[in-house]
C-alpha atoms as a PDB file:
ATOM      1  CA  MET A   1      -6.705  41.239   8.216  1.00  0.00           C
ATOM      2  CA  SER A   2      -6.081  40.681  11.975  1.00  0.00           C
ATOM      3  CA  TRP A   3      -4.157  38.225  13.854  1.00  0.00           C
ATOM      4  CA  VAL A   4      -7.608  37.045  15.297  1.00  0.00           C
ATOM      5  CA  SER A   5      -9.317  36.596  11.648  1.00  0.00           C
ATOM      6  CA  LEU A   6      -5.832  34.205  10.463  1.00  0.00           C
ATOM      7  CA  TRP A   7      -5.708  32.048  13.800  1.00  0.00           C
ATOM      8  CA  GLU A   8      -9.221  30.991  13.277  1.00  0.00           C
ATOM      9  CA  TYR A   9      -8.977  31.009   9.359  1.00  0.00           C
ATOM     10  CA  MET A  10      -5.260  28.553  10.387  1.00  0.00           C
ATOM     11  CA  PHE A  11      -7.387  27.147  12.467  1.00  0.00           C
ATOM     12  CA  TYR A  12     -10.424  25.982   9.662  1.00  0.00           C
ATOM     13  CA  LEU A  13      -7.872  25.156   7.197  1.00  0.00           C
ATOM     14  CA  VAL A  14      -6.299  22.186   9.032  1.00  0.00           C
ATOM     15  CA  LEU A  15      -9.210  20.881   9.997  1.00  0.00           C
ATOM     16  CA  VAL A  16      -9.843  20.906   6.261  1.00  0.00           C
ATOM     17  CA  ALA A  17      -6.652  19.700   5.467  1.00  0.00           C
ATOM     18  CA  ALA A  18      -6.817  17.117   8.339  1.00  0.00           C
ATOM     19  CA  THR A  19     -10.631  16.281   6.562  1.00  0.00           C
ATOM     20  CA  GLY A  20      -9.040  15.849   3.375  1.00  0.00           C
ATOM     21  CA  THR A  21      -6.602  13.479   4.892  1.00  0.00           C
ATOM     22  CA  MET A  22      -8.229  10.808   6.098  1.00  0.00           C
ATOM     23  CA  LEU A  23     -10.879  10.132   3.894  1.00  0.00           C
ATOM     24  CA  PRO A  24      -8.865   9.275   0.872  1.00  0.00           C
ATOM     25  CA  ILE A  25      -6.997   6.960   3.220  1.00  0.00           C
ATOM     26  CA  VAL A  26     -10.364   5.410   5.363  1.00  0.00           C
ATOM     27  CA  TYR A  27     -11.711   5.159   1.747  1.00  0.00           C
ATOM     28  CA  ALA A  28      -8.242   3.358   0.002  1.00  0.00           C
ATOM     29  CA  PHE A  29      -9.207   0.743   3.374  1.00  0.00           C
ATOM     30  CA  LEU A  30     -12.473   0.535   2.192  1.00  0.00           C
ATOM     31  CA  LYS A  31     -12.921  -0.823  -1.018  1.00  0.00           C
ATOM     32  CA  LYS A  32     -11.388  -2.867  -4.077  1.00  0.00           C
ATOM     33  CA  VAL A  33      -8.895  -2.078  -6.557  1.00  0.00           C
ATOM     34  CA  LYS A  34      -9.778  -3.820  -9.778  1.00  0.00           C
ATOM     35  CA  LEU A  35      -7.062  -6.469 -10.679  1.00  0.00           C
ATOM     36  CA  ASN A  36      -5.014  -7.344 -13.516  1.00  0.00           C
ATOM     37  CA  LYS A  37      -5.978 -10.723 -14.177  1.00  0.00           C
ATOM     38  CA  VAL A  38      -2.902 -13.207 -14.859  1.00  0.00           C
ATOM     39  CA  SER A  39      -5.806 -15.523 -16.646  1.00  0.00           C
ATOM     40  CA  GLN A  40      -6.449 -13.692 -19.375  1.00  0.00           C
ATOM     41  CA  TRP A  41      -2.194 -13.542 -20.056  1.00  0.00           C
ATOM     42  CA  PHE A  42      -2.406 -17.456 -19.184  1.00  0.00           C
ATOM     43  CA  GLY A  43      -5.643 -18.286 -21.240  1.00  0.00           C
ATOM     44  CA  GLU A  44      -3.763 -16.559 -24.358  1.00  0.00           C
ATOM     45  CA  ALA A  45      -0.749 -18.798 -23.774  1.00  0.00           C
ATOM     46  CA  ASN A  46      -0.747 -21.309 -26.462  1.00  0.00           C
ATOM     47  CA  SER A  47       2.970 -21.418 -25.817  1.00  0.00           C
ATOM     48  CA  PHE A  48       1.640 -23.379 -23.013  1.00  0.00           C
ATOM     49  CA  GLU A  49      -1.588 -25.462 -24.089  1.00  0.00           C
ATOM     50  CA  GLU A  50      -0.989 -28.362 -21.993  1.00  0.00           C
ATOM     51  CA  GLN A  51      -0.528 -26.660 -19.186  1.00  0.00           C
ATOM     52  CA  LYS A  52      -3.455 -23.902 -19.577  1.00  0.00           C
ATOM     53  CA  GLU A  53      -5.793 -25.134 -17.340  1.00  0.00           C
ATOM     54  CA  ARG A  54      -3.341 -25.969 -14.424  1.00  0.00           C
ATOM     55  CA  LEU A  55      -2.235 -21.929 -15.340  1.00  0.00           C
ATOM     56  CA  VAL A  56      -6.062 -20.385 -14.722  1.00  0.00           C
ATOM     57  CA  VAL A  57      -7.028 -22.637 -12.301  1.00  0.00           C
ATOM     58  CA  HIS A  58      -4.086 -22.080 -10.125  1.00  0.00           C
ATOM     59  CA  GLU A  59      -5.230 -18.128 -10.873  1.00  0.00           C
ATOM     60  CA  SER A  60      -8.375 -18.154 -10.024  1.00  0.00           C
ATOM     61  CA  ARG A  61      -6.955 -19.665  -6.568  1.00  0.00           C
ATOM     62  CA  ILE A  62      -5.067 -17.105  -5.425  1.00  0.00           C
ATOM     63  CA  ALA A  63      -7.083 -13.590  -7.364  1.00  0.00           C
ATOM     64  CA  GLY A  64      -8.433 -13.192  -3.823  1.00  0.00           C
ATOM     65  CA  THR A  65      -5.124 -13.223  -2.214  1.00  0.00           C
ATOM     66  CA  LEU A  66      -3.542 -10.757  -5.126  1.00  0.00           C
ATOM     67  CA  VAL A  67      -6.827  -8.543  -4.958  1.00  0.00           C
ATOM     68  CA  TYR A  68      -6.068  -8.522  -0.738  1.00  0.00           C
ATOM     69  CA  TRP A  69      -2.327  -7.706  -1.293  1.00  0.00           C
ATOM     70  CA  LYS A  70      -2.866  -4.543  -3.736  1.00  0.00           C
ATOM     71  CA  ASN A  71      -5.710  -3.291  -1.370  1.00  0.00           C
ATOM     72  CA  LYS A  72      -3.522  -3.032   1.411  1.00  0.00           C
ATOM     73  CA  ALA A  73      -0.604  -1.430  -0.789  1.00  0.00           C
ATOM     74  CA  ALA A  74      -2.642   1.165  -2.032  1.00  0.00           C
ATOM     75  CA  ALA A  75      -4.145   1.999   1.382  1.00  0.00           C
ATOM     76  CA  HIS A  76      -1.175   1.613   3.139  1.00  0.00           C
ATOM     77  CA  HIS A  77       0.979   4.017   1.159  1.00  0.00           C
ATOM     78  CA  ARG A  78      -1.271   6.658   1.688  1.00  0.00           C
ATOM     79  CA  LEU A  79      -1.367   6.306   5.368  1.00  0.00           C
ATOM     80  CA  HIS A  80       3.009   6.437   4.946  1.00  0.00           C
ATOM     81  CA  LEU A  81       2.744   9.048   2.079  1.00  0.00           C
ATOM     82  CA  ALA A  82      -0.223  11.413   5.140  1.00  0.00           C
ATOM     83  CA  ARG A  83       2.395  10.673   7.412  1.00  0.00           C
ATOM     84  CA  VAL A  84       5.223  12.312   5.365  1.00  0.00           C
ATOM     85  CA  THR A  85       3.630  14.549   5.124  1.00  0.00           C
ATOM     86  CA  TRP A  86       1.708  16.304   7.623  1.00  0.00           C
ATOM     87  CA  SER A  87       5.727  15.126   9.438  1.00  0.00           C
ATOM     88  CA  LEU A  88       6.799  17.866   7.173  1.00  0.00           C
ATOM     89  CA  VAL A  89       4.700  20.276   7.938  1.00  0.00           C
ATOM     90  CA  SER A  90       4.906  20.470  10.933  1.00  0.00           C
ATOM     91  CA  ALA A  91       8.225  20.189  11.066  1.00  0.00           C
ATOM     92  CA  VAL A  92       8.353  23.420   8.809  1.00  0.00           C
ATOM     93  CA  THR A  93       5.580  25.524  10.001  1.00  0.00           C
ATOM     94  CA  LEU A  94       5.890  24.837  14.009  1.00  0.00           C
ATOM     95  CA  PRO A  95       9.066  26.730  14.173  1.00  0.00           C
ATOM     96  CA  VAL A  96       7.851  29.772  12.799  1.00  0.00           C
ATOM     97  CA  ILE A  97       4.040  29.156  14.309  1.00  0.00           C
ATOM     98  CA  VAL A  98       5.581  29.811  17.694  1.00  0.00           C
ATOM     99  CA  GLN A  99       7.027  33.196  17.150  1.00  0.00           C
ATOM    100  CA  PHE A 100       3.186  34.408  16.250  1.00  0.00           C
ATOM    101  CA  TYR A 101       1.236  31.640  19.256  1.00  0.00           C
ATOM    102  CA  ASP A 102      -0.159  34.216  21.914  1.00  0.00           C
ATOM    103  CA  SER A 103      -1.884  31.632  24.508  1.00  0.00           C
ATOM    104  CA  GLY A 104      -4.334  34.346  24.962  1.00  0.00           C
ATOM    105  CA  ASN A 105      -6.247  33.884  21.178  1.00  0.00           C
ATOM    106  CA  PRO A 106      -8.191  31.155  21.588  1.00  0.00           C
ATOM    107  CA  TRP A 107      -8.229  30.494  18.246  1.00  0.00           C
ATOM    108  CA  SER A 108      -4.138  30.696  18.652  1.00  0.00           C
ATOM    109  CA  VAL A 109      -4.919  27.552  21.122  1.00  0.00           C
ATOM    110  CA  ALA A 110      -6.570  25.528  18.707  1.00  0.00           C
ATOM    111  CA  PHE A 111      -4.753  25.911  15.624  1.00  0.00           C
ATOM    112  CA  LEU A 112      -1.669  25.065  17.354  1.00  0.00           C
ATOM    113  CA  THR A 113      -3.391  22.325  19.374  1.00  0.00           C
ATOM    114  CA  ALA A 114      -5.018  20.713  15.643  1.00  0.00           C
ATOM    115  CA  LEU A 115      -1.949  20.781  13.824  1.00  0.00           C
ATOM    116  CA  THR A 116      -0.019  19.266  16.211  1.00  0.00           C
ATOM    117  CA  ILE A 117      -3.136  16.629  17.809  1.00  0.00           C
ATOM    118  CA  PHE A 118      -3.447  15.335  14.138  1.00  0.00           C
ATOM    119  CA  SER A 119       0.398  15.377  13.113  1.00  0.00           C
ATOM    120  CA  GLY A 120       0.907  13.547  15.959  1.00  0.00           C
ATOM    121  CA  PHE A 121      -2.312  11.252  15.349  1.00  0.00           C
ATOM    122  CA  ILE A 122      -1.243   9.917  11.570  1.00  0.00           C
ATOM    123  CA  VAL A 123       2.474   9.570  12.714  1.00  0.00           C
ATOM    124  CA  ALA A 124       1.002   7.305  15.290  1.00  0.00           C
ATOM    125  CA  LEU A 125      -1.260   5.484  13.315  1.00  0.00           C
ATOM    126  CA  ALA A 126       1.028   4.863  10.488  1.00  0.00           C
ATOM    127  CA  HIS A 127       3.913   3.734  12.592  1.00  0.00           C
ATOM    128  CA  ALA A 128       1.707   1.383  15.269  1.00  0.00           C
ATOM    129  CA  MET A 129       0.075  -0.039  11.880  1.00  0.00           C
ATOM    130  CA  LYS A 130       4.067  -0.195  10.589  1.00  0.00           C
ATOM    131  CA  SER A 131       2.265   1.509   7.035  1.00  0.00           C
ATOM    132  CA  GLU A 132       5.553   2.192   5.156  1.00  0.00           C
ATOM    133  CA  GLU A 133       6.885  -1.819   5.720  1.00  0.00           C
ATOM    134  CA  MET A 134       3.316  -3.054   4.959  1.00  0.00           C
ATOM    135  CA  TYR A 135       2.908  -0.374   1.119  1.00  0.00           C
ATOM    136  CA  ARG A 136       6.609  -2.123   0.567  1.00  0.00           C
ATOM    137  CA  GLY A 137       5.966  -6.142   1.866  1.00  0.00           C
ATOM    138  CA  PHE A 138       2.270  -5.871   0.046  1.00  0.00           C
ATOM    139  CA  ARG A 139       3.454  -4.656  -2.973  1.00  0.00           C
ATOM    140  CA  GLU A 140       6.745  -7.086  -3.552  1.00  0.00           C
ATOM    141  CA  CYS A 141       4.780  -9.774  -3.064  1.00  0.00           C
ATOM    142  CA  GLU A 142       1.996  -8.524  -5.637  1.00  0.00           C
ATOM    143  CA  SER A 143       4.583  -7.155  -7.654  1.00  0.00           C
ATOM    144  CA  ASP A 144       6.984 -10.351  -7.465  1.00  0.00           C
ATOM    145  CA  TYR A 145       3.579 -12.729  -8.837  1.00  0.00           C
ATOM    146  CA  TYR A 146       3.061 -10.802 -11.713  1.00  0.00           C
ATOM    147  CA  ASP A 147       7.199 -11.152 -12.059  1.00  0.00           C
ATOM    148  CA  VAL A 148       7.548 -14.919 -12.043  1.00  0.00           C
ATOM    149  CA  ALA A 149       3.679 -15.212 -13.998  1.00  0.00           C
ATOM    150  CA  ARG A 150       5.540 -13.324 -17.253  1.00  0.00           C
ATOM    151  CA  GLN A 151       9.086 -14.896 -16.813  1.00  0.00           C
ATOM    152  CA  LEU A 152       6.746 -18.258 -17.062  1.00  0.00           C
ATOM    153  CA  LEU A 153       5.199 -16.584 -20.533  1.00  0.00           C
ATOM    154  CA  ASP A 154       7.648 -15.392 -21.604  1.00  0.00           C
ATOM    155  CA  ASN A 155      10.025 -18.023 -21.388  1.00  0.00           C
ATOM    156  CA  PRO A 156       8.351 -21.177 -22.342  1.00  0.00           C
ATOM    157  CA  THR A 157      10.612 -24.308 -23.129  1.00  0.00           C
ATOM    158  CA  ASP A 158      10.511 -26.588 -26.254  1.00  0.00           C
ATOM    159  CA  THR A 159       8.542 -30.016 -25.151  1.00  0.00           C
ATOM    160  CA  PRO A 160       5.672 -30.522 -23.563  1.00  0.00           C
ATOM    161  CA  GLU A 161       7.726 -32.147 -20.309  1.00  0.00           C
ATOM    162  CA  ALA A 162      10.033 -29.319 -20.144  1.00  0.00           C
ATOM    163  CA  ARG A 163       7.064 -26.782 -20.174  1.00  0.00           C
ATOM    164  CA  LYS A 164       5.747 -28.857 -17.097  1.00  0.00           C
ATOM    165  CA  GLU A 165       8.536 -28.813 -15.178  1.00  0.00           C
ATOM    166  CA  GLN A 166       8.274 -24.649 -15.241  1.00  0.00           C
ATOM    167  CA  VAL A 167       4.257 -25.042 -14.433  1.00  0.00           C
ATOM    168  CA  ASP A 168       5.501 -26.738 -11.593  1.00  0.00           C
ATOM    169  CA  LYS A 169       7.869 -24.816 -10.820  1.00  0.00           C
ATOM    170  CA  PHE A 170       6.150 -21.705 -10.711  1.00  0.00           C
ATOM    171  CA  LEU A 171       3.090 -22.691  -8.565  1.00  0.00           C
ATOM    172  CA  ILE A 172       6.140 -23.473  -6.523  1.00  0.00           C
ATOM    173  CA  THR A 173       7.989 -19.668  -6.111  1.00  0.00           C
ATOM    174  CA  ALA A 174       3.624 -18.638  -6.018  1.00  0.00           C
ATOM    175  CA  GLU A 175       3.108 -20.676  -2.798  1.00  0.00           C
ATOM    176  CA  LYS A 176       6.709 -18.866  -1.138  1.00  0.00           C
ATOM    177  CA  ILE A 177       5.403 -15.588  -2.559  1.00  0.00           C
ATOM    178  CA  ARG A 178       1.770 -16.532  -0.963  1.00  0.00           C
ATOM    179  CA  LYS A 179       4.163 -17.457   2.315  1.00  0.00           C
ATOM    180  CA  ALA A 180       5.722 -14.178   2.227  1.00  0.00           C
ATOM    181  CA  GLY A 181       2.137 -12.698   1.764  1.00  0.00           C
ATOM    182  CA  ARG A 182       0.902 -13.974   5.178  1.00  0.00           C
ATOM    183  CA  LYS A 183       4.952 -12.884   6.710  1.00  0.00           C
ATOM    184  CA  VAL A 184       3.505  -9.349   5.521  1.00  0.00           C
ATOM    185  CA  GLU A 185       0.583 -10.040   6.891  1.00  0.00           C
ATOM    186  CA  THR A 186       1.862 -10.671  10.470  1.00  0.00           C
ATOM    187  CA  SER A 187       4.046  -7.670  10.597  1.00  0.00           C
ATOM    188  CA  SER A 188       6.913  -9.483   9.118  1.00  0.00           C
ATOM    189  CA  PRO A 189       7.490  -8.082   5.738  1.00  0.00           C
ATOM    190  CA  PRO A 190       9.588 -10.199   3.682  1.00  0.00           C
ATOM    191  CA  SER A 191      10.701 -10.670  -0.492  1.00  0.00           C
ATOM    192  CA  GLY A 192       8.426 -13.065  -1.678  1.00  0.00           C
ATOM    193  CA  LEU A 193      11.859 -14.491  -3.390  1.00  0.00           C
ATOM    194  CA  ASN A 194      13.913 -14.867  -0.902  1.00  0.00           C
ATOM    195  CA  SER A 195      11.907 -17.057   1.937  1.00  0.00           C
ATOM    196  CA  ALA A 196      11.820 -20.633   2.217  1.00  0.00           C
END
């Protein structure tokens, strides 16, 4: 295989890889993932019979937020992984490829241009969108909510009054997590349980 055809092959390989990287990212930002409904948990929570309606109504109100968090976490995770992958590919291959680079060969120029432009684009895009931080923030909020819901359902108290107080505390904590989610949306990711 001559260098001319190898450079051409490598150019098309970068185009296919770049397309294969971008399509799942764009798809992740546009699609809606399915949500594990907590209302099933609340609906089956016989220990909280007198509080069941409050819990199910609460879940119906926060369900859209949970879907949003899950979608954004998945999309930003893909973008972050693409940044890491393309950074590593560029960092490892460029020092080797430069040894054989031929500025007089248009395929060599096209390959190196495509590789560096796409690598730079994906790194810049992920950095500008704060994908690593956004992924962690949305994922923590979603996970924190499910954790406090599980804690509530796994540890019911003995009396209806105490269970009402438990649900009251759960709803206050859920509101703190929701506020933390808003901070994530505005690019200042905190932990959902540690925010005021």
